[in-house]
Protein backbone atom coordinates (compact mmCIF):
# COMPACT_ATOMS: atom_id res chain seq x y z
CA UNK A 1 14.95 -0.59 -5.20
CA UNK A 2 15.88 2.42 -3.09
CA UNK A 3 15.25 1.68 0.77
CA UNK A 4 15.39 4.52 3.01
CA UNK A 5 15.92 3.59 6.65
CA UNK A 6 12.46 4.24 7.75
CA UNK A 7 10.95 1.79 5.17
CA UNK A 8 13.88 -1.05 6.06
CA UNK A 9 12.44 -4.25 7.88
CA UNK A 10 12.94 -4.06 11.46
CA UNK A 11 14.29 -7.66 11.30
CA UNK A 12 14.78 -10.78 9.22
CA UNK A 13 11.86 -12.33 10.79
CA UNK A 14 9.74 -9.46 9.37
CA UNK A 15 10.22 -10.36 5.58
CA UNK A 16 10.49 -13.80 6.16
CA UNK A 17 6.77 -13.96 7.51
CA UNK A 18 5.54 -11.68 4.87
CA UNK A 19 7.27 -13.86 2.04
CA UNK A 20 5.85 -17.16 3.22
CA UNK A 21 2.19 -15.72 2.74
CA UNK A 22 3.29 -13.75 -0.53
CA UNK A 23 4.43 -16.57 -2.84
CA UNK A 24 3.71 -15.21 -6.43
CA UNK A 25 6.12 -12.98 -7.86
CA UNK A 26 7.95 -12.16 -11.22
CA UNK A 27 11.29 -13.99 -11.94
CA UNK A 28 13.83 -11.43 -13.72
CA UNK A 29 16.22 -13.36 -16.31
CA UNK A 30 19.17 -11.64 -18.24
CA UNK A 31 18.25 -11.87 -21.84
CA UNK A 32 20.08 -13.46 -24.33
CA UNK A 33 22.58 -11.08 -26.64
CA UNK A 34 20.21 -8.64 -28.39
CA UNK A 35 17.32 -9.58 -26.47
CA UNK A 36 15.86 -7.46 -23.47
CA UNK A 37 15.55 -9.31 -20.04
CA UNK A 38 12.95 -11.87 -19.82
CA UNK A 39 10.58 -11.51 -16.97
CA UNK A 40 8.34 -14.54 -15.87
CA UNK A 41 5.36 -14.74 -13.53
CA UNK A 42 6.25 -17.38 -11.05
CA UNK A 43 4.51 -19.51 -8.06
CA UNK A 44 7.11 -20.34 -5.64
CA UNK A 45 7.83 -21.92 -2.21
CA UNK A 46 10.23 -20.15 -0.32
CA UNK A 47 12.24 -22.10 2.57
CA UNK A 48 14.16 -19.50 4.96
CA UNK A 49 15.85 -22.24 6.54
CA UNK A 50 17.43 -23.52 3.53
CA UNK A 51 17.86 -19.94 1.88
CA UNK A 52 16.11 -21.05 -1.24
CA UNK A 53 13.12 -20.99 -3.31
CA UNK A 54 11.55 -23.66 -5.39
CA UNK A 55 9.27 -23.57 -8.46
CA UNK A 56 9.00 -25.01 -12.30
CA UNK A 57 8.02 -24.13 -15.48
CA UNK A 58 7.13 -26.00 -18.94
CA UNK A 59 10.02 -27.50 -20.89
CA UNK A 60 9.06 -25.12 -23.91
CA UNK A 61 9.50 -21.77 -21.98
CA UNK A 62 12.28 -19.38 -23.90
CA UNK A 63 13.64 -18.74 -20.30
CA UNK A 64 15.95 -21.94 -20.11
CA UNK A 65 18.24 -20.72 -22.66
CA UNK A 66 18.71 -17.64 -21.03
CA UNK A 67 19.28 -19.16 -17.53
CA UNK A 68 21.68 -21.34 -18.84
CA UNK A 69 23.88 -18.63 -20.16
CA UNK A 70 23.45 -16.66 -17.05
CA UNK A 71 22.09 -18.23 -13.76
CA UNK A 72 22.10 -15.08 -11.75
CA UNK A 73 18.35 -13.90 -11.65
CA UNK A 74 16.18 -11.62 -9.14
CA UNK A 75 12.90 -12.99 -7.93
CA UNK A 76 10.77 -9.63 -7.05
CA UNK A 77 7.65 -9.73 -5.10
CA UNK A 78 5.52 -6.65 -4.36
CA UNK A 79 1.95 -6.70 -3.08
CA UNK A 80 -0.06 -5.13 -0.19
CA UNK A 81 0.40 -1.72 -2.25
CA UNK A 82 -2.02 1.34 -2.26
CA UNK A 83 -2.21 5.14 -3.52
CA UNK A 84 -2.28 7.54 -0.90
CA UNK A 85 -3.59 10.81 -1.77
CA UNK A 86 -1.92 13.96 -1.16
CA UNK A 87 -4.21 15.51 1.43
CA UNK A 88 -4.04 12.42 3.46
CA UNK A 89 -0.12 13.17 3.70
CA UNK A 90 0.11 17.11 4.47
CA UNK A 91 2.14 17.66 7.68
CA UNK A 92 0.69 19.41 10.38
CA UNK A 93 -0.08 23.04 9.81
CA UNK A 94 0.22 22.67 6.15
CA UNK A 95 -2.64 23.18 3.74
CA UNK A 96 -4.13 19.70 2.79
CA UNK A 97 -3.71 20.47 -0.93
CA UNK A 98 0.01 20.77 -0.39
CA UNK A 99 0.07 17.27 0.84
CA UNK A 100 2.32 14.82 -1.65
CA UNK A 101 0.36 11.62 -2.81
CA UNK A 102 2.68 8.64 -2.75
CA UNK A 103 2.38 4.78 -2.81
CA UNK A 104 2.55 2.45 0.04
CA UNK A 105 3.62 -1.26 -0.68
CA UNK A 106 5.78 -4.15 0.48
CA UNK A 107 8.57 -5.51 -1.53
CA UNK A 108 11.16 -8.50 -1.16
CA UNK A 109 13.60 -8.86 -3.97
CA UNK A 110 15.58 -12.12 -3.59
CA UNK A 111 19.03 -12.10 -5.91
CA UNK A 112 19.65 -15.87 -6.57
CA UNK A 113 21.63 -18.40 -8.58
CA UNK A 114 19.24 -20.36 -10.46
CA UNK A 115 20.07 -24.43 -10.71
CA UNK A 116 17.62 -26.16 -13.31
CA UNK A 117 16.44 -29.75 -12.18
CA UNK A 118 16.04 -32.32 -14.81
CA UNK A 119 16.56 -35.50 -12.73
CA UNK A 120 13.10 -37.14 -12.91
CA UNK A 121 13.42 -37.97 -9.11
CA UNK A 122 14.77 -34.62 -7.94
CA UNK A 123 11.89 -32.78 -9.86
CA UNK A 124 9.33 -34.76 -8.20
CA UNK A 125 10.78 -33.66 -4.73
CA UNK A 126 10.76 -30.21 -5.94
CA UNK A 127 6.82 -30.47 -6.71
CA UNK A 128 6.36 -32.36 -3.39
CA UNK A 129 8.02 -29.38 -1.69
CA UNK A 130 5.74 -27.16 -3.62
CA UNK A 131 2.67 -28.89 -3.07
CA UNK A 132 3.44 -29.08 0.80
CA UNK A 133 3.39 -25.28 0.81
CA UNK A 134 0.42 -24.57 -1.81
CA UNK A 135 -1.83 -27.20 -0.55
CA UNK A 136 -0.86 -28.33 2.94
CA UNK A 137 -4.47 -29.99 3.53
CA UNK A 138 -3.19 -32.65 0.95
CA UNK A 139 -5.86 -34.43 -1.42
CA UNK A 140 -3.60 -35.00 -4.29
CA UNK A 141 -1.25 -38.06 -5.00
CA UNK A 142 2.37 -37.36 -4.33
CA UNK A 143 4.60 -36.82 -7.47
CA UNK A 144 6.85 -39.63 -8.05
CA UNK A 145 9.12 -40.53 -11.20
CA UNK A 146 7.68 -43.50 -13.20
CA UNK A 147 4.06 -43.54 -10.84
CA UNK A 148 0.81 -42.50 -11.98
CA UNK A 149 -0.59 -40.10 -12.18
CA UNK A 150 2.00 -37.33 -12.48
CA UNK A 151 5.08 -39.74 -13.52
CA UNK A 152 4.52 -39.49 -17.14
CA UNK A 153 3.96 -35.54 -16.93
CA UNK A 154 7.35 -34.90 -15.48
CA UNK A 155 9.40 -34.63 -18.76
CA UNK A 156 7.01 -31.89 -19.80
CA UNK A 157 8.56 -29.31 -17.14
CA UNK A 158 11.91 -28.48 -15.64
CA UNK A 159 12.39 -27.71 -12.01
CA UNK A 160 13.65 -24.47 -10.53
CA UNK A 161 15.83 -24.41 -7.56
CA UNK A 162 16.81 -20.54 -6.66
CA UNK A 163 19.67 -20.49 -4.33
CA UNK A 164 19.08 -16.72 -2.37
CA UNK A 165 22.49 -14.91 -2.43
CA UNK A 166 21.09 -11.51 -1.51
CA UNK A 167 17.99 -10.03 0.01
CA UNK A 168 16.44 -6.75 -0.41
CA UNK A 169 13.05 -5.77 1.73
CA UNK A 170 11.22 -2.83 2.04
CA UNK A 171 7.80 -1.91 3.77
CA UNK A 172 6.84 1.65 2.90
CA UNK A 173 4.05 2.73 5.08
CA UNK A 174 4.84 6.40 6.31
CA UNK A 175 7.61 5.33 8.81
CA UNK A 176 8.86 8.91 8.58
CA UNK A 177 5.72 10.67 8.84
CA UNK A 178 4.35 12.56 12.09
CA UNK A 179 2.11 10.58 14.43
CA UNK A 180 -0.82 13.17 13.65
CA UNK A 181 -0.11 12.32 9.91
CA UNK A 182 -0.27 8.31 10.30
CA UNK A 183 -2.95 8.72 12.44
CA UNK A 184 -4.90 10.52 9.80
CA UNK A 185 -3.65 8.01 7.17
CA UNK A 186 -4.76 5.01 9.24
CA UNK A 187 -8.03 6.68 9.55
CA UNK A 188 -8.63 7.16 5.83
CA UNK A 189 -7.52 3.77 4.69
CA UNK A 190 -10.09 2.27 7.26
CA UNK A 191 -12.80 4.70 5.68
CA UNK A 192 -11.87 3.99 2.33
CA UNK A 193 -11.80 0.47 2.23
CA UNK A 194 -10.63 -0.01 -1.22
CA UNK A 195 -8.57 -2.90 -2.45
CA UNK A 196 -5.40 -3.43 -0.44
CA UNK A 197 -6.47 -0.65 2.14
CA UNK A 198 -6.94 -3.40 5.02
CA UNK A 199 -3.36 -4.62 4.76
CA UNK A 200 -1.80 -1.53 4.09
CA UNK A 201 -3.39 -0.21 7.50
CA UNK A 202 -2.52 -3.27 9.35
CA UNK A 203 1.27 -2.67 8.00
CA UNK A 204 1.20 0.80 9.13
CA UNK A 205 -0.11 0.07 12.57
CA UNK A 206 2.14 -3.30 12.91
CA UNK A 207 5.36 -1.14 12.33
CA UNK A 208 4.32 1.63 14.64
CA UNK A 209 4.08 -0.91 17.37
CA UNK A 210 7.23 -2.57 16.79
């Protein structure tokens, strides 16, 4: 992922906050010999203090053999994306039809070492951490090995602990454009009001204020 200086996060806090609210991504795993890479959609819970993400997958998933062969993986998260028409991007004094269309988006890529968790008690603890993230209001029994209602289901899954070794983050929201152009884009996003437009506009405004 190419990251220009104007698209880089202002600090680690920026991408930490974004990732705390964007917890569904794609886990890319090197394929076994003769096979392409595996790409697995994944809900995960990221822990900034521990520098790790946790998740789980069904035991029959073909991913496990590839992970055991090579635990070096990439967890990719992309959201808050919109298409920006060319006329919105035209520089001051340039005909609108000469503007170059582009995409706005936020992306975080976590390079990780994957650790497979099979111990029943450790799996139950990983599930508890995930429930705490996705369901902080409670309402579900705490997972525990050998105890109802989830204990009998634990053998059907394997836990996944992703130890983060490197991070690449990008917030592509007209950071290199003149104020006049960014004003125009902000107004057009508000006017269009399509899927993702409000979130993209908020990124643009937030990063201008920073």
